[in-house]
Amino acid sequence: MSDTYKILVVDDEKDLCEILQFNLASEGFDIEVAYSGEEALTKSIDRFDLLLLDVMMGGMSGFKLADKIRKELGLQVPIIFLTARETENDMLTGFNVGADDYLSKPFSIKELVARIKAVLRRGKTVEVKPKLIAIDNMELDLNRKSVTIDNLPVLLTRKEFEILVMLISNKGKYLSRQEILDRIWSDDVIVTERNVDVNIARLRKKIGEFGNCIKGRSGYGYCFEN
């Protein structure tokens, strides 16, 4: 395929992840791996063109992860479920939470690649819909990377915007400074937890009354509550 598509593989079987990563990279895909649903949610899901999700994992199931991605994050990234179980109820559950395809283990790499390409081709023909997160009168457009309050633009830096999206996407959950650093500054070499504090202080000022929704708690980090 001419484009390099980014795929996130989420499976708690490390051996299978290594096999998929090697074979799919050989097909020209850019592959990242997460070994649990919880780890997958620490990544910027909107960076990926397709997700391969194992259904049965320790902790959060693939179904639960997909449900969060669709409903809480509001993302329509294509999803293919991988599962050792093949029952009608499982398949219905998968499609009900927004699956684009469903593949039973064991499967051949050739079949998986064919299905991935088919899903990506279908995705190309679909009109891109705005990815919006609305909190009362504040709206975040994930496509345009923009924020408005009462339909008026709020000028945020890239880091400020990403922090705001991360906090709102994990609404009600405290995120440590280190978690925020790892996600937002993953491409930087020299940063400290102070960078998080400075950016959040600026962010609070820029979003006015919503700044009060960003709670800081010593030893825990930051949380968005409204």
C-alpha atoms as a PDB file:
ATOM      1  CA  MET A   1       0.000   0.000   0.000  1.00  0.00           C
ATOM      2  CA  SER A   2       1.372   3.423  -0.819  1.00  0.00           C
ATOM      3  CA  ASP A   3       0.596   5.056   2.536  1.00  0.00           C
ATOM      4  CA  THR A   4       2.153   4.033   5.821  1.00  0.00           C
ATOM      5  CA  TYR A   5      -0.726   3.174   8.096  1.00  0.00           C
ATOM      6  CA  LYS A   6      -0.278   3.168  11.864  1.00  0.00           C
ATOM      7  CA  ILE A   7      -1.767   0.147  13.619  1.00  0.00           C
ATOM      8  CA  LEU A   8      -2.049  -0.463  17.360  1.00  0.00           C
ATOM      9  CA  VAL A   9      -2.031  -4.121  18.425  1.00  0.00           C
ATOM     10  CA  VAL A  10      -3.589  -4.704  21.875  1.00  0.00           C
ATOM     11  CA  ASP A  11      -3.110  -8.249  23.177  1.00  0.00           C
ATOM     12  CA  ASP A  12      -1.793  -9.712  26.435  1.00  0.00           C
ATOM     13  CA  GLU A  13      -0.058 -12.574  24.598  1.00  0.00           C
ATOM     14  CA  LYS A  14       3.435 -11.148  24.135  1.00  0.00           C
ATOM     15  CA  ASP A  15       4.531 -13.908  21.753  1.00  0.00           C
ATOM     16  CA  LEU A  16       1.588 -13.197  19.459  1.00  0.00           C
ATOM     17  CA  CYS A  17       2.292  -9.456  19.620  1.00  0.00           C
ATOM     18  CA  GLU A  18       5.879 -10.063  18.495  1.00  0.00           C
ATOM     19  CA  ILE A  19       4.694 -12.240  15.606  1.00  0.00           C
ATOM     20  CA  LEU A  20       2.111  -9.646  14.518  1.00  0.00           C
ATOM     21  CA  GLN A  21       4.543  -6.772  14.883  1.00  0.00           C
ATOM     22  CA  PHE A  22       7.175  -8.490  12.747  1.00  0.00           C
ATOM     23  CA  ASN A  23       4.819  -9.707  10.021  1.00  0.00           C
ATOM     24  CA  LEU A  24       2.709  -6.572   9.750  1.00  0.00           C
ATOM     25  CA  ALA A  25       5.816  -4.362   9.690  1.00  0.00           C
ATOM     26  CA  SER A  26       7.052  -6.561   6.818  1.00  0.00           C
ATOM     27  CA  GLU A  27       3.841  -5.628   4.981  1.00  0.00           C
ATOM     28  CA  GLY A  28       4.702  -1.941   5.335  1.00  0.00           C
ATOM     29  CA  PHE A  29       2.549  -1.053   8.342  1.00  0.00           C
ATOM     30  CA  ASP A  30       3.807   1.078  11.249  1.00  0.00           C
ATOM     31  CA  ILE A  31       3.059  -1.053  14.336  1.00  0.00           C
ATOM     32  CA  GLU A  32       2.815  -0.209  18.030  1.00  0.00           C
ATOM     33  CA  VAL A  33       1.907  -2.680  20.751  1.00  0.00           C
ATOM     34  CA  ALA A  34       0.048  -2.475  24.070  1.00  0.00           C
ATOM     35  CA  TYR A  35      -0.238  -5.503  26.338  1.00  0.00           C
ATOM     36  CA  SER A  36      -3.496  -4.463  28.003  1.00  0.00           C
ATOM     37  CA  GLY A  37      -6.514  -2.250  27.456  1.00  0.00           C
ATOM     38  CA  GLU A  38      -5.300  -0.019  30.241  1.00  0.00           C
ATOM     39  CA  GLU A  39      -1.928   0.476  28.525  1.00  0.00           C
ATOM     40  CA  ALA A  40      -3.663   1.174  25.212  1.00  0.00           C
ATOM     41  CA  LEU A  41      -5.581   4.052  26.791  1.00  0.00           C
ATOM     42  CA  THR A  42      -2.301   5.738  27.767  1.00  0.00           C
ATOM     43  CA  LYS A  43      -1.574   6.173  24.054  1.00  0.00           C
ATOM     44  CA  SER A  44      -3.053   8.807  21.754  1.00  0.00           C
ATOM     45  CA  ILE A  45      -5.615   6.550  20.077  1.00  0.00           C
ATOM     46  CA  ASP A  46      -6.440   9.148  17.437  1.00  0.00           C
ATOM     47  CA  ARG A  47      -2.912   8.735  15.984  1.00  0.00           C
ATOM     48  CA  PHE A  48      -3.757   5.271  14.685  1.00  0.00           C
ATOM     49  CA  ASP A  49      -5.447   4.267  11.445  1.00  0.00           C
ATOM     50  CA  LEU A  50      -6.618   0.891  12.786  1.00  0.00           C
ATOM     51  CA  LEU A  51      -6.745  -1.088  16.055  1.00  0.00           C
ATOM     52  CA  LEU A  52      -6.312  -4.847  16.451  1.00  0.00           C
ATOM     53  CA  LEU A  53      -7.926  -5.742  19.799  1.00  0.00           C
ATOM     54  CA  ASP A  54      -7.839  -9.071  21.596  1.00  0.00           C
ATOM     55  CA  VAL A  55     -11.224  -9.756  23.180  1.00  0.00           C
ATOM     56  CA  MET A  56     -10.185 -11.751  26.248  1.00  0.00           C
ATOM     57  CA  MET A  57      -7.461  -9.980  28.232  1.00  0.00           C
ATOM     58  CA  GLY A  58      -6.637  -9.794  31.897  1.00  0.00           C
ATOM     59  CA  GLY A  59      -8.179  -6.611  33.262  1.00  0.00           C
ATOM     60  CA  MET A  60     -10.081  -4.616  30.667  1.00  0.00           C
ATOM     61  CA  SER A  61     -11.539  -6.707  27.833  1.00  0.00           C
ATOM     62  CA  GLY A  62     -11.289  -5.718  24.196  1.00  0.00           C
ATOM     63  CA  PHE A  63     -15.034  -5.088  24.159  1.00  0.00           C
ATOM     64  CA  LYS A  64     -14.758  -2.697  27.108  1.00  0.00           C
ATOM     65  CA  LEU A  65     -11.800  -0.919  25.518  1.00  0.00           C
ATOM     66  CA  ALA A  66     -13.678  -0.481  22.232  1.00  0.00           C
ATOM     67  CA  ASP A  67     -16.710   0.841  24.091  1.00  0.00           C
ATOM     68  CA  LYS A  68     -14.557   3.456  25.844  1.00  0.00           C
ATOM     69  CA  ILE A  69     -12.898   4.464  22.580  1.00  0.00           C
ATOM     70  CA  ARG A  70     -16.248   4.910  20.840  1.00  0.00           C
ATOM     71  CA  LYS A  71     -18.316   6.470  23.634  1.00  0.00           C
ATOM     72  CA  GLU A  72     -15.899   8.269  25.972  1.00  0.00           C
ATOM     73  CA  LEU A  73     -13.207   9.319  23.504  1.00  0.00           C
ATOM     74  CA  GLY A  74     -15.660   9.737  20.615  1.00  0.00           C
ATOM     75  CA  LEU A  75     -13.221   8.164  18.130  1.00  0.00           C
ATOM     76  CA  GLN A  76     -14.230   6.194  15.012  1.00  0.00           C
ATOM     77  CA  VAL A  77     -10.848   4.571  14.327  1.00  0.00           C
ATOM     78  CA  PRO A  78     -11.455   1.179  12.622  1.00  0.00           C
ATOM     79  CA  ILE A  79     -11.331  -1.849  14.947  1.00  0.00           C
ATOM     80  CA  ILE A  80     -10.707  -5.511  14.175  1.00  0.00           C
ATOM     81  CA  PHE A  81     -11.278  -7.922  17.058  1.00  0.00           C
ATOM     82  CA  LEU A  82      -9.057 -10.956  17.523  1.00  0.00           C
ATOM     83  CA  THR A  83     -10.512 -13.732  19.670  1.00  0.00           C
ATOM     84  CA  ALA A  84     -10.103 -17.397  20.565  1.00  0.00           C
ATOM     85  CA  ARG A  85     -13.872 -17.597  21.017  1.00  0.00           C
ATOM     86  CA  GLU A  86     -16.277 -17.746  18.111  1.00  0.00           C
ATOM     87  CA  THR A  87     -19.888 -17.593  19.174  1.00  0.00           C
ATOM     88  CA  GLU A  88     -22.766 -15.645  17.680  1.00  0.00           C
ATOM     89  CA  ASN A  89     -23.172 -13.650  20.912  1.00  0.00           C
ATOM     90  CA  ASP A  90     -19.507 -12.663  20.917  1.00  0.00           C
ATOM     91  CA  MET A  91     -19.698 -11.519  17.314  1.00  0.00           C
ATOM     92  CA  LEU A  92     -22.852  -9.521  17.976  1.00  0.00           C
ATOM     93  CA  THR A  93     -21.247  -7.903  21.008  1.00  0.00           C
ATOM     94  CA  GLY A  94     -18.209  -7.017  18.920  1.00  0.00           C
ATOM     95  CA  PHE A  95     -20.211  -5.365  16.186  1.00  0.00           C
ATOM     96  CA  ASN A  96     -22.478  -3.628  18.707  1.00  0.00           C
ATOM     97  CA  VAL A  97     -19.475  -1.869  20.272  1.00  0.00           C
ATOM     98  CA  GLY A  98     -18.285  -0.703  16.872  1.00  0.00           C
ATOM     99  CA  ALA A  99     -16.149  -3.469  15.361  1.00  0.00           C
ATOM    100  CA  ASP A 100     -15.328  -3.261  11.664  1.00  0.00           C
ATOM    101  CA  ASP A 101     -14.316  -6.922  11.483  1.00  0.00           C
ATOM    102  CA  TYR A 102     -13.899  -9.994  13.677  1.00  0.00           C
ATOM    103  CA  LEU A 103     -11.215 -12.667  13.267  1.00  0.00           C
ATOM    104  CA  SER A 104     -11.017 -15.925  15.228  1.00  0.00           C
ATOM    105  CA  LYS A 105      -7.750 -17.394  16.504  1.00  0.00           C
ATOM    106  CA  PRO A 106      -5.841 -19.175  15.150  1.00  0.00           C
ATOM    107  CA  PHE A 107      -5.696 -17.188  11.920  1.00  0.00           C
ATOM    108  CA  SER A 108      -3.211 -16.861   9.092  1.00  0.00           C
ATOM    109  CA  ILE A 109      -1.190 -13.687   8.686  1.00  0.00           C
ATOM    110  CA  LYS A 110      -2.276 -13.552   5.033  1.00  0.00           C
ATOM    111  CA  GLU A 111      -5.944 -13.530   6.030  1.00  0.00           C
ATOM    112  CA  LEU A 112      -5.325 -10.862   8.675  1.00  0.00           C
ATOM    113  CA  VAL A 113      -3.446  -8.639   6.222  1.00  0.00           C
ATOM    114  CA  ALA A 114      -6.235  -9.032   3.656  1.00  0.00           C
ATOM    115  CA  ARG A 115      -8.848  -8.015   6.215  1.00  0.00           C
ATOM    116  CA  ILE A 116      -6.785  -5.057   7.431  1.00  0.00           C
ATOM    117  CA  LYS A 117      -6.416  -3.766   3.860  1.00  0.00           C
ATOM    118  CA  ALA A 118     -10.134  -4.238   3.211  1.00  0.00           C
ATOM    119  CA  VAL A 119     -11.086  -2.271   6.334  1.00  0.00           C
ATOM    120  CA  LEU A 120      -8.630   0.511   5.501  1.00  0.00           C
ATOM    121  CA  ARG A 121      -9.991   0.750   1.944  1.00  0.00           C
ATOM    122  CA  ARG A 122     -13.529   1.063   3.303  1.00  0.00           C
ATOM    123  CA  GLY A 123     -12.353   3.745   5.689  1.00  0.00           C
ATOM    124  CA  LYS A 124     -10.934   5.791   2.807  1.00  0.00           C
ATOM    125  CA  THR A 125     -14.342   6.048   1.176  1.00  0.00           C
ATOM    126  CA  VAL A 126     -16.066   7.219   4.341  1.00  0.00           C
ATOM    127  CA  GLU A 127     -16.499  10.936   4.813  1.00  0.00           C
ATOM    128  CA  VAL A 128     -14.432  12.153   7.765  1.00  0.00           C
ATOM    129  CA  LYS A 129     -16.767  13.374  10.460  1.00  0.00           C
ATOM    130  CA  PRO A 130     -15.743  15.986  13.008  1.00  0.00           C
ATOM    131  CA  LYS A 131     -14.406  14.463  16.213  1.00  0.00           C
ATOM    132  CA  LEU A 132     -15.883  16.660  18.907  1.00  0.00           C
ATOM    133  CA  ILE A 133     -15.810  16.608  22.689  1.00  0.00           C
ATOM    134  CA  ALA A 134     -18.318  18.949  24.335  1.00  0.00           C
ATOM    135  CA  ILE A 135     -18.235  19.977  27.990  1.00  0.00           C
ATOM    136  CA  ASP A 136     -21.146  22.345  28.572  1.00  0.00           C
ATOM    137  CA  ASN A 137     -20.334  25.370  26.388  1.00  0.00           C
ATOM    138  CA  MET A 138     -16.726  24.332  25.717  1.00  0.00           C
ATOM    139  CA  GLU A 139     -16.086  22.300  22.557  1.00  0.00           C
ATOM    140  CA  LEU A 140     -12.895  20.522  21.498  1.00  0.00           C
ATOM    141  CA  ASP A 141     -12.496  19.691  17.796  1.00  0.00           C
ATOM    142  CA  LEU A 142     -10.013  16.808  17.606  1.00  0.00           C
ATOM    143  CA  ASN A 143      -9.647  17.136  13.829  1.00  0.00           C
ATOM    144  CA  ARG A 144      -8.869  20.835  13.812  1.00  0.00           C
ATOM    145  CA  LYS A 145      -7.033  20.679  17.178  1.00  0.00           C
ATOM    146  CA  SER A 146      -9.062  23.662  18.315  1.00  0.00           C
ATOM    147  CA  VAL A 147     -11.092  24.753  21.343  1.00  0.00           C
ATOM    148  CA  THR A 148     -14.043  27.119  21.521  1.00  0.00           C
ATOM    149  CA  ILE A 149     -15.982  28.434  24.502  1.00  0.00           C
ATOM    150  CA  ASP A 150     -19.365  29.984  23.683  1.00  0.00           C
ATOM    151  CA  ASN A 151     -18.320  29.554  20.012  1.00  0.00           C
ATOM    152  CA  LEU A 152     -15.325  31.848  20.552  1.00  0.00           C
ATOM    153  CA  PRO A 153     -11.848  30.435  19.786  1.00  0.00           C
ATOM    154  CA  VAL A 154      -9.434  29.742  22.631  1.00  0.00           C
ATOM    155  CA  LEU A 155      -5.816  29.827  21.462  1.00  0.00           C
ATOM    156  CA  LEU A 156      -3.920  26.926  23.004  1.00  0.00           C
ATOM    157  CA  THR A 157      -0.454  25.630  22.253  1.00  0.00           C
ATOM    158  CA  ARG A 158      -0.152  22.054  21.009  1.00  0.00           C
ATOM    159  CA  LYS A 159       0.952  20.819  24.448  1.00  0.00           C
ATOM    160  CA  GLU A 160      -1.876  22.653  26.214  1.00  0.00           C
ATOM    161  CA  PHE A 161      -4.438  21.196  23.812  1.00  0.00           C
ATOM    162  CA  GLU A 162      -3.075  17.671  24.223  1.00  0.00           C
ATOM    163  CA  ILE A 163      -3.088  17.979  28.015  1.00  0.00           C
ATOM    164  CA  LEU A 164      -6.693  19.196  27.972  1.00  0.00           C
ATOM    165  CA  VAL A 165      -7.794  16.317  25.718  1.00  0.00           C
ATOM    166  CA  MET A 166      -5.941  13.808  27.905  1.00  0.00           C
ATOM    167  CA  LEU A 167      -7.512  15.106  31.122  1.00  0.00           C
ATOM    168  CA  ILE A 168     -11.035  15.257  29.677  1.00  0.00           C
ATOM    169  CA  SER A 169     -10.656  11.801  28.099  1.00  0.00           C
ATOM    170  CA  ASN A 170      -9.834  10.490  31.583  1.00  0.00           C
ATOM    171  CA  LYS A 171     -12.444  12.616  33.336  1.00  0.00           C
ATOM    172  CA  GLY A 172     -12.665  11.887  37.064  1.00  0.00           C
ATOM    173  CA  LYS A 173      -9.310  10.066  37.141  1.00  0.00           C
ATOM    174  CA  TYR A 174      -6.134  11.572  38.563  1.00  0.00           C
ATOM    175  CA  LEU A 175      -3.182  11.393  36.171  1.00  0.00           C
ATOM    176  CA  SER A 176       0.296  11.709  37.610  1.00  0.00           C
ATOM    177  CA  ARG A 177       2.731  14.256  36.232  1.00  0.00           C
ATOM    178  CA  GLN A 178       4.841  11.377  34.980  1.00  0.00           C
ATOM    179  CA  GLU A 179       1.893   9.881  33.066  1.00  0.00           C
ATOM    180  CA  ILE A 180       1.266  13.252  31.420  1.00  0.00           C
ATOM    181  CA  LEU A 181       4.971  13.662  30.629  1.00  0.00           C
ATOM    182  CA  ASP A 182       5.179  10.206  29.079  1.00  0.00           C
ATOM    183  CA  ARG A 183       2.175  10.865  26.826  1.00  0.00           C
ATOM    184  CA  ILE A 184       2.576  14.514  25.894  1.00  0.00           C
ATOM    185  CA  TRP A 185       6.365  14.871  25.855  1.00  0.00           C
ATOM    186  CA  SER A 186       7.218  11.381  24.577  1.00  0.00           C
ATOM    187  CA  ASP A 187       9.332  12.836  21.751  1.00  0.00           C
ATOM    188  CA  ASP A 188      11.342  15.194  23.952  1.00  0.00           C
ATOM    189  CA  VAL A 189      14.545  14.326  25.778  1.00  0.00           C
ATOM    190  CA  ILE A 190      14.954  16.847  28.591  1.00  0.00           C
ATOM    191  CA  VAL A 191      11.715  17.700  30.405  1.00  0.00           C
ATOM    192  CA  THR A 192      10.702  17.732  34.056  1.00  0.00           C
ATOM    193  CA  GLU A 193       7.467  17.533  35.994  1.00  0.00           C
ATOM    194  CA  ARG A 194       7.665  21.317  36.262  1.00  0.00           C
ATOM    195  CA  ASN A 195       6.805  21.478  32.538  1.00  0.00           C
ATOM    196  CA  VAL A 196       3.454  19.881  33.350  1.00  0.00           C
ATOM    197  CA  ASP A 197       2.703  22.385  36.125  1.00  0.00           C
ATOM    198  CA  VAL A 198       3.613  25.386  33.962  1.00  0.00           C
ATOM    199  CA  ASN A 199       1.488  24.237  31.023  1.00  0.00           C
ATOM    200  CA  ILE A 200      -1.496  23.433  33.229  1.00  0.00           C
ATOM    201  CA  ALA A 201      -1.246  26.836  34.938  1.00  0.00           C
ATOM    202  CA  ARG A 202      -1.382  28.535  31.517  1.00  0.00           C
ATOM    203  CA  LEU A 203      -4.170  26.224  30.361  1.00  0.00           C
ATOM    204  CA  ARG A 204      -6.315  27.039  33.411  1.00  0.00           C
ATOM    205  CA  LYS A 205      -6.066  30.758  32.675  1.00  0.00           C
ATOM    206  CA  LYS A 206      -6.931  30.360  28.998  1.00  0.00           C
ATOM    207  CA  ILE A 207     -10.082  28.273  29.504  1.00  0.00           C
ATOM    208  CA  GLY A 208     -11.592  30.627  32.077  1.00  0.00           C
ATOM    209  CA  GLU A 209     -14.247  29.077  34.321  1.00  0.00           C
ATOM    210  CA  PHE A 210     -13.300  25.607  33.086  1.00  0.00           C
ATOM    211  CA  GLY A 211      -9.882  26.111  34.645  1.00  0.00           C
ATOM    212  CA  ASN A 212     -11.538  25.360  37.976  1.00  0.00           C
ATOM    213  CA  CYS A 213     -12.408  21.897  36.646  1.00  0.00           C
ATOM    214  CA  ILE A 214      -8.714  20.966  36.520  1.00  0.00           C
ATOM    215  CA  LYS A 215      -7.992  19.756  40.032  1.00  0.00           C
ATOM    216  CA  GLY A 216      -4.482  19.273  41.368  1.00  0.00           C
ATOM    217  CA  ARG A 217      -3.811  16.906  44.252  1.00  0.00           C
ATOM    218  CA  SER A 218      -0.420  16.497  45.906  1.00  0.00           C
ATOM    219  CA  GLY A 219       1.007  13.037  45.326  1.00  0.00           C
ATOM    220  CA  TYR A 220      -1.705  12.165  42.767  1.00  0.00           C
ATOM    221  CA  GLY A 221      -1.412  14.655  39.908  1.00  0.00           C
ATOM    222  CA  TYR A 222      -4.207  16.297  37.949  1.00  0.00           C
ATOM    223  CA  CYS A 223      -7.822  15.490  37.207  1.00  0.00           C
ATOM    224  CA  PHE A 224     -10.666  17.072  35.195  1.00  0.00           C
ATOM    225  CA  GLU A 225     -13.980  17.176  37.071  1.00  0.00           C
ATOM    226  CA  ASN A 226     -17.087  19.143  36.147  1.00  0.00           C
END
